[in-house]
């Protein structure tokens, strides 16, 4: 059963692992770049990463997920994953901190990913 889920959700798992990796790398090990001086770039990155994660999860589970309550539970689960990563940033990773706006960007990204999937699914149907 475990292998079934690994295969079925391989891209969602890969995106989630990449998000965790990027989020839990110490801040001082990031390369120096003038690109990082863009205001709110980290919030845009959170939004984009979680939009991709939400889209991938909904895409890979499209045969099994029906109804608003199931979509809501998936978004809640993914949001809690993001919250757990934020807590780890604050407690485990040196030179990183948790921010409420990061969580808000995560949630907005998840909702955008879900809406994008619904539009995509409507177009291909």
C-alpha atoms as a PDB file:
ATOM      1  CA  UNK A   1       0.000   0.000   0.000  1.00  0.00           C
ATOM      2  CA  UNK A   2       2.884   2.368   0.840  1.00  0.00           C
ATOM      3  CA  UNK A   3       4.486   1.795  -2.566  1.00  0.00           C
ATOM      4  CA  UNK A   4       1.130   2.506  -4.243  1.00  0.00           C
ATOM      5  CA  UNK A   5       1.002   5.992  -2.679  1.00  0.00           C
ATOM      6  CA  UNK A   6       4.667   6.653  -3.441  1.00  0.00           C
ATOM      7  CA  UNK A   7       4.060   5.901  -7.104  1.00  0.00           C
ATOM      8  CA  UNK A   8       0.669   7.605  -7.348  1.00  0.00           C
ATOM      9  CA  UNK A   9       1.813  10.839  -5.673  1.00  0.00           C
ATOM     10  CA  UNK A  10       5.441  10.856  -6.836  1.00  0.00           C
ATOM     11  CA  UNK A  11       5.415  14.423  -8.171  1.00  0.00           C
ATOM     12  CA  UNK A  12       3.536  15.807  -5.155  1.00  0.00           C
ATOM     13  CA  UNK A  13       6.013  14.110  -2.826  1.00  0.00           C
ATOM     14  CA  UNK A  14       8.925  15.446  -4.870  1.00  0.00           C
ATOM     15  CA  UNK A  15       7.578  19.022  -4.767  1.00  0.00           C
ATOM     16  CA  UNK A  16       6.901  18.749  -1.001  1.00  0.00           C
ATOM     17  CA  UNK A  17      10.436  17.464  -0.389  1.00  0.00           C
ATOM     18  CA  UNK A  18      11.926  20.269  -2.477  1.00  0.00           C
ATOM     19  CA  UNK A  19       9.889  22.837  -0.542  1.00  0.00           C
ATOM     20  CA  UNK A  20      11.068  21.349   2.761  1.00  0.00           C
ATOM     21  CA  UNK A  21      14.672  21.300   1.562  1.00  0.00           C
ATOM     22  CA  UNK A  22      14.641  24.901   0.334  1.00  0.00           C
ATOM     23  CA  UNK A  23      12.808  26.063   3.470  1.00  0.00           C
ATOM     24  CA  UNK A  24      15.111  24.305   5.918  1.00  0.00           C
ATOM     25  CA  UNK A  25      18.465  25.273   4.400  1.00  0.00           C
ATOM     26  CA  UNK A  26      20.188  27.775   6.692  1.00  0.00           C
ATOM     27  CA  UNK A  27      19.760  31.319   5.380  1.00  0.00           C
ATOM     28  CA  UNK A  28      23.474  32.060   5.446  1.00  0.00           C
ATOM     29  CA  UNK A  29      24.145  29.234   2.971  1.00  0.00           C
ATOM     30  CA  UNK A  30      22.012  30.869   0.287  1.00  0.00           C
ATOM     31  CA  UNK A  31      23.984  32.473  -2.556  1.00  0.00           C
ATOM     32  CA  UNK A  32      24.384  36.240  -2.484  1.00  0.00           C
ATOM     33  CA  UNK A  33      22.467  37.969  -5.270  1.00  0.00           C
ATOM     34  CA  UNK A  34      20.895  41.325  -5.970  1.00  0.00           C
ATOM     35  CA  UNK A  35      17.763  39.348  -6.920  1.00  0.00           C
ATOM     36  CA  UNK A  36      17.145  38.742  -3.212  1.00  0.00           C
ATOM     37  CA  UNK A  37      16.729  42.501  -2.691  1.00  0.00           C
ATOM     38  CA  UNK A  38      13.337  42.501  -4.435  1.00  0.00           C
ATOM     39  CA  UNK A  39      10.657  43.474  -1.874  1.00  0.00           C
ATOM     40  CA  UNK A  40       8.448  40.557  -0.812  1.00  0.00           C
ATOM     41  CA  UNK A  41      10.352  38.089  -3.028  1.00  0.00           C
ATOM     42  CA  UNK A  42      10.206  35.462  -0.305  1.00  0.00           C
ATOM     43  CA  UNK A  43       6.409  35.822  -0.082  1.00  0.00           C
ATOM     44  CA  UNK A  44       6.146  35.386  -3.865  1.00  0.00           C
ATOM     45  CA  UNK A  45       8.358  32.308  -3.583  1.00  0.00           C
ATOM     46  CA  UNK A  46       6.121  30.865  -0.846  1.00  0.00           C
ATOM     47  CA  UNK A  47       3.046  31.589  -2.947  1.00  0.00           C
ATOM     48  CA  UNK A  48       4.542  29.970  -6.059  1.00  0.00           C
ATOM     49  CA  UNK A  49       5.891  26.881  -4.307  1.00  0.00           C
ATOM     50  CA  UNK A  50       2.613  26.157  -2.549  1.00  0.00           C
ATOM     51  CA  UNK A  51       0.553  26.914  -5.667  1.00  0.00           C
ATOM     52  CA  UNK A  52       2.611  24.285  -7.487  1.00  0.00           C
ATOM     53  CA  UNK A  53       2.252  21.848  -4.589  1.00  0.00           C
ATOM     54  CA  UNK A  54      -1.511  22.362  -4.422  1.00  0.00           C
ATOM     55  CA  UNK A  55      -1.903  21.941  -8.168  1.00  0.00           C
ATOM     56  CA  UNK A  56       0.200  18.754  -8.198  1.00  0.00           C
ATOM     57  CA  UNK A  57      -1.649  17.176  -5.265  1.00  0.00           C
ATOM     58  CA  UNK A  58      -5.040  17.910  -6.807  1.00  0.00           C
ATOM     59  CA  UNK A  59      -3.871  16.711 -10.212  1.00  0.00           C
ATOM     60  CA  UNK A  60      -2.525  13.427  -8.874  1.00  0.00           C
ATOM     61  CA  UNK A  61      -5.605  12.799  -6.731  1.00  0.00           C
ATOM     62  CA  UNK A  62      -8.220  13.942  -9.234  1.00  0.00           C
ATOM     63  CA  UNK A  63      -9.779  10.474  -9.556  1.00  0.00           C
ATOM     64  CA  UNK A  64     -10.248  10.152  -5.799  1.00  0.00           C
ATOM     65  CA  UNK A  65     -11.177  13.656  -4.666  1.00  0.00           C
ATOM     66  CA  UNK A  66     -14.699  14.911  -5.164  1.00  0.00           C
ATOM     67  CA  UNK A  67     -16.637  17.530  -3.292  1.00  0.00           C
ATOM     68  CA  UNK A  68     -15.735  20.730  -1.529  1.00  0.00           C
ATOM     69  CA  UNK A  69     -15.066  19.060   1.838  1.00  0.00           C
ATOM     70  CA  UNK A  70     -12.403  16.758   0.404  1.00  0.00           C
ATOM     71  CA  UNK A  71     -10.674  19.650  -1.353  1.00  0.00           C
ATOM     72  CA  UNK A  72     -10.817  21.615   1.895  1.00  0.00           C
ATOM     73  CA  UNK A  73      -9.246  18.732   3.830  1.00  0.00           C
ATOM     74  CA  UNK A  74      -6.420  18.485   1.305  1.00  0.00           C
ATOM     75  CA  UNK A  75      -5.769  22.220   1.538  1.00  0.00           C
ATOM     76  CA  UNK A  76      -5.844  22.012   5.347  1.00  0.00           C
ATOM     77  CA  UNK A  77      -3.368  19.112   5.337  1.00  0.00           C
ATOM     78  CA  UNK A  78      -0.997  20.927   3.001  1.00  0.00           C
ATOM     79  CA  UNK A  79      -1.349  24.115   5.051  1.00  0.00           C
ATOM     80  CA  UNK A  80      -0.426  22.168   8.200  1.00  0.00           C
ATOM     81  CA  UNK A  81       2.635  20.810   6.387  1.00  0.00           C
ATOM     82  CA  UNK A  82       3.657  24.408   5.650  1.00  0.00           C
ATOM     83  CA  UNK A  83       3.015  25.378   9.270  1.00  0.00           C
ATOM     84  CA  UNK A  84       5.184  22.505  10.470  1.00  0.00           C
ATOM     85  CA  UNK A  85       8.000  23.655   8.187  1.00  0.00           C
ATOM     86  CA  UNK A  86       7.661  27.200   9.555  1.00  0.00           C
ATOM     87  CA  UNK A  87       7.901  25.871  13.126  1.00  0.00           C
ATOM     88  CA  UNK A  88      11.016  23.891  12.171  1.00  0.00           C
ATOM     89  CA  UNK A  89      12.525  27.040  10.658  1.00  0.00           C
ATOM     90  CA  UNK A  90      11.993  28.876  13.924  1.00  0.00           C
ATOM     91  CA  UNK A  91      13.220  26.125  16.221  1.00  0.00           C
ATOM     92  CA  UNK A  92      15.819  24.070  14.362  1.00  0.00           C
ATOM     93  CA  UNK A  93      17.393  26.080  11.562  1.00  0.00           C
ATOM     94  CA  UNK A  94      20.031  28.664  12.380  1.00  0.00           C
ATOM     95  CA  UNK A  95      19.520  32.081  10.754  1.00  0.00           C
ATOM     96  CA  UNK A  96      15.925  31.364   9.699  1.00  0.00           C
ATOM     97  CA  UNK A  97      12.705  32.448  11.344  1.00  0.00           C
ATOM     98  CA  UNK A  98       9.008  31.731  11.061  1.00  0.00           C
ATOM     99  CA  UNK A  99       6.666  34.456   9.840  1.00  0.00           C
ATOM    100  CA  UNK A 100       2.903  34.718   9.805  1.00  0.00           C
ATOM    101  CA  UNK A 101       3.006  36.300   6.360  1.00  0.00           C
ATOM    102  CA  UNK A 102       4.807  33.210   5.057  1.00  0.00           C
ATOM    103  CA  UNK A 103       1.889  31.096   6.253  1.00  0.00           C
ATOM    104  CA  UNK A 104      -0.552  33.491   4.612  1.00  0.00           C
ATOM    105  CA  UNK A 105       1.405  33.284   1.345  1.00  0.00           C
ATOM    106  CA  UNK A 106       1.411  29.480   1.640  1.00  0.00           C
ATOM    107  CA  UNK A 107      -2.359  29.409   2.086  1.00  0.00           C
ATOM    108  CA  UNK A 108      -2.935  31.849  -0.774  1.00  0.00           C
ATOM    109  CA  UNK A 109      -0.705  29.696  -2.980  1.00  0.00           C
ATOM    110  CA  UNK A 110      -2.580  26.525  -2.044  1.00  0.00           C
ATOM    111  CA  UNK A 111      -5.905  28.166  -2.861  1.00  0.00           C
ATOM    112  CA  UNK A 112      -4.501  29.467  -6.162  1.00  0.00           C
ATOM    113  CA  UNK A 113      -3.216  25.966  -6.962  1.00  0.00           C
ATOM    114  CA  UNK A 114      -6.627  24.475  -6.211  1.00  0.00           C
ATOM    115  CA  UNK A 115      -8.431  27.079  -8.329  1.00  0.00           C
ATOM    116  CA  UNK A 116      -5.911  26.584 -11.152  1.00  0.00           C
ATOM    117  CA  UNK A 117      -6.497  22.853 -11.016  1.00  0.00           C
ATOM    118  CA  UNK A 118     -10.273  23.318 -11.136  1.00  0.00           C
ATOM    119  CA  UNK A 119      -9.943  25.562 -14.202  1.00  0.00           C
ATOM    120  CA  UNK A 120      -7.490  23.131 -15.833  1.00  0.00           C
ATOM    121  CA  UNK A 121      -9.786  20.181 -15.067  1.00  0.00           C
ATOM    122  CA  UNK A 122     -12.801  22.076 -16.478  1.00  0.00           C
ATOM    123  CA  UNK A 123     -10.895  22.886 -19.683  1.00  0.00           C
ATOM    124  CA  UNK A 124      -9.747  19.312 -20.344  1.00  0.00           C
ATOM    125  CA  UNK A 125     -13.139  17.789 -19.494  1.00  0.00           C
END
